[in-house]
Amino acid sequence: MLDYEYYASRAEIELRLAISAAHPAAARAHYHLAGYYLDKAYSERPQRDQDSPAHTIFT
């Protein structure tokens, strides 16, 4: 498993925990953790090649 896959997986788990939390403070903490994991997931993810078809189409 690559780092960004791990962080994305952890973010998903934290979101589930936030939804099921009984106390608002616990839910807020889980949402914050999910945000941090998503930030890490997308900062660790490899960048697209500048010559890829997606780059050509979407820029």
C-alpha atoms as a PDB file:
ATOM      1  CA  MET A   1       0.000   0.000   0.000  1.00  0.00           C
ATOM      2  CA  LEU A   2       1.369   3.397  -0.941  1.00  0.00           C
ATOM      3  CA  ASP A   3       1.460   6.233   1.580  1.00  0.00           C
ATOM      4  CA  TYR A   4      -1.343   8.210  -0.065  1.00  0.00           C
ATOM      5  CA  GLU A   5      -3.542   5.104  -0.155  1.00  0.00           C
ATOM      6  CA  TYR A   6      -2.950   4.599   3.556  1.00  0.00           C
ATOM      7  CA  TYR A   7      -3.805   8.210   4.386  1.00  0.00           C
ATOM      8  CA  ALA A   8      -6.940   8.133   2.219  1.00  0.00           C
ATOM      9  CA  SER A   9      -8.026   4.931   3.943  1.00  0.00           C
ATOM     10  CA  ARG A  10      -7.456   6.469   7.376  1.00  0.00           C
ATOM     11  CA  ALA A  11      -9.473   9.538   6.350  1.00  0.00           C
ATOM     12  CA  GLU A  12     -12.386   7.312   5.368  1.00  0.00           C
ATOM     13  CA  ILE A  13     -12.223   5.527   8.721  1.00  0.00           C
ATOM     14  CA  GLU A  14     -12.155   8.833  10.595  1.00  0.00           C
ATOM     15  CA  LEU A  15     -15.200  10.055   8.659  1.00  0.00           C
ATOM     16  CA  ARG A  16     -17.109   6.916   9.625  1.00  0.00           C
ATOM     17  CA  LEU A  17     -16.108   7.420  13.247  1.00  0.00           C
ATOM     18  CA  ALA A  18     -17.215  11.059  13.103  1.00  0.00           C
ATOM     19  CA  ILE A  19     -20.621  10.099  11.754  1.00  0.00           C
ATOM     20  CA  SER A  20     -21.123   7.482  14.463  1.00  0.00           C
ATOM     21  CA  ALA A  21     -19.747   9.552  17.361  1.00  0.00           C
ATOM     22  CA  ALA A  22     -22.178  10.097  20.213  1.00  0.00           C
ATOM     23  CA  HIS A  23     -20.608  13.332  21.443  1.00  0.00           C
ATOM     24  CA  PRO A  24     -20.210  16.474  19.288  1.00  0.00           C
ATOM     25  CA  ALA A  25     -16.631  17.036  20.487  1.00  0.00           C
ATOM     26  CA  ALA A  26     -15.666  13.506  19.478  1.00  0.00           C
ATOM     27  CA  ALA A  27     -17.278  13.967  16.068  1.00  0.00           C
ATOM     28  CA  ARG A  28     -15.392  17.244  15.600  1.00  0.00           C
ATOM     29  CA  ALA A  29     -12.097  15.575  16.526  1.00  0.00           C
ATOM     30  CA  HIS A  30     -12.680  12.787  14.012  1.00  0.00           C
ATOM     31  CA  TYR A  31     -13.561  15.299  11.270  1.00  0.00           C
ATOM     32  CA  HIS A  32     -10.356  17.217  12.010  1.00  0.00           C
ATOM     33  CA  LEU A  33      -8.303  14.030  11.844  1.00  0.00           C
ATOM     34  CA  ALA A  34      -9.987  13.091   8.557  1.00  0.00           C
ATOM     35  CA  GLY A  35      -9.018  16.481   7.166  1.00  0.00           C
ATOM     36  CA  TYR A  36      -5.403  16.030   8.193  1.00  0.00           C
ATOM     37  CA  TYR A  37      -5.300  12.570   6.630  1.00  0.00           C
ATOM     38  CA  LEU A  38      -6.797  13.909   3.387  1.00  0.00           C
ATOM     39  CA  ASP A  39      -4.212  16.698   3.317  1.00  0.00           C
ATOM     40  CA  LYS A  40      -1.469  14.105   3.705  1.00  0.00           C
ATOM     41  CA  ALA A  41      -3.025  11.798   1.106  1.00  0.00           C
ATOM     42  CA  TYR A  42      -3.134  14.481  -1.545  1.00  0.00           C
ATOM     43  CA  SER A  43       0.281  15.916  -0.727  1.00  0.00           C
ATOM     44  CA  GLU A  44       1.847  12.428  -0.976  1.00  0.00           C
ATOM     45  CA  ARG A  45       0.073  11.461  -4.197  1.00  0.00           C
ATOM     46  CA  PRO A  46       2.280  11.401  -7.306  1.00  0.00           C
ATOM     47  CA  GLN A  47       1.752  14.306  -9.671  1.00  0.00           C
ATOM     48  CA  ARG A  48       0.374  13.681 -13.140  1.00  0.00           C
ATOM     49  CA  ASP A  49       2.780  13.691 -16.019  1.00  0.00           C
ATOM     50  CA  GLN A  50       2.652  17.014 -17.847  1.00  0.00           C
ATOM     51  CA  ASP A  51       2.359  15.178 -21.179  1.00  0.00           C
ATOM     52  CA  SER A  52      -0.566  12.994 -20.133  1.00  0.00           C
ATOM     53  CA  PRO A  53      -3.848  13.200 -22.073  1.00  0.00           C
ATOM     54  CA  ALA A  54      -5.664  14.372 -18.936  1.00  0.00           C
ATOM     55  CA  HIS A  55      -3.280  17.307 -18.571  1.00  0.00           C
ATOM     56  CA  THR A  56      -3.833  18.280 -22.207  1.00  0.00           C
ATOM     57  CA  ILE A  57      -7.623  18.086 -21.938  1.00  0.00           C
ATOM     58  CA  PHE A  58      -8.087  19.824 -18.598  1.00  0.00           C
ATOM     59  CA  THR A  59      -5.634  22.697 -18.923  1.00  0.00           C
END
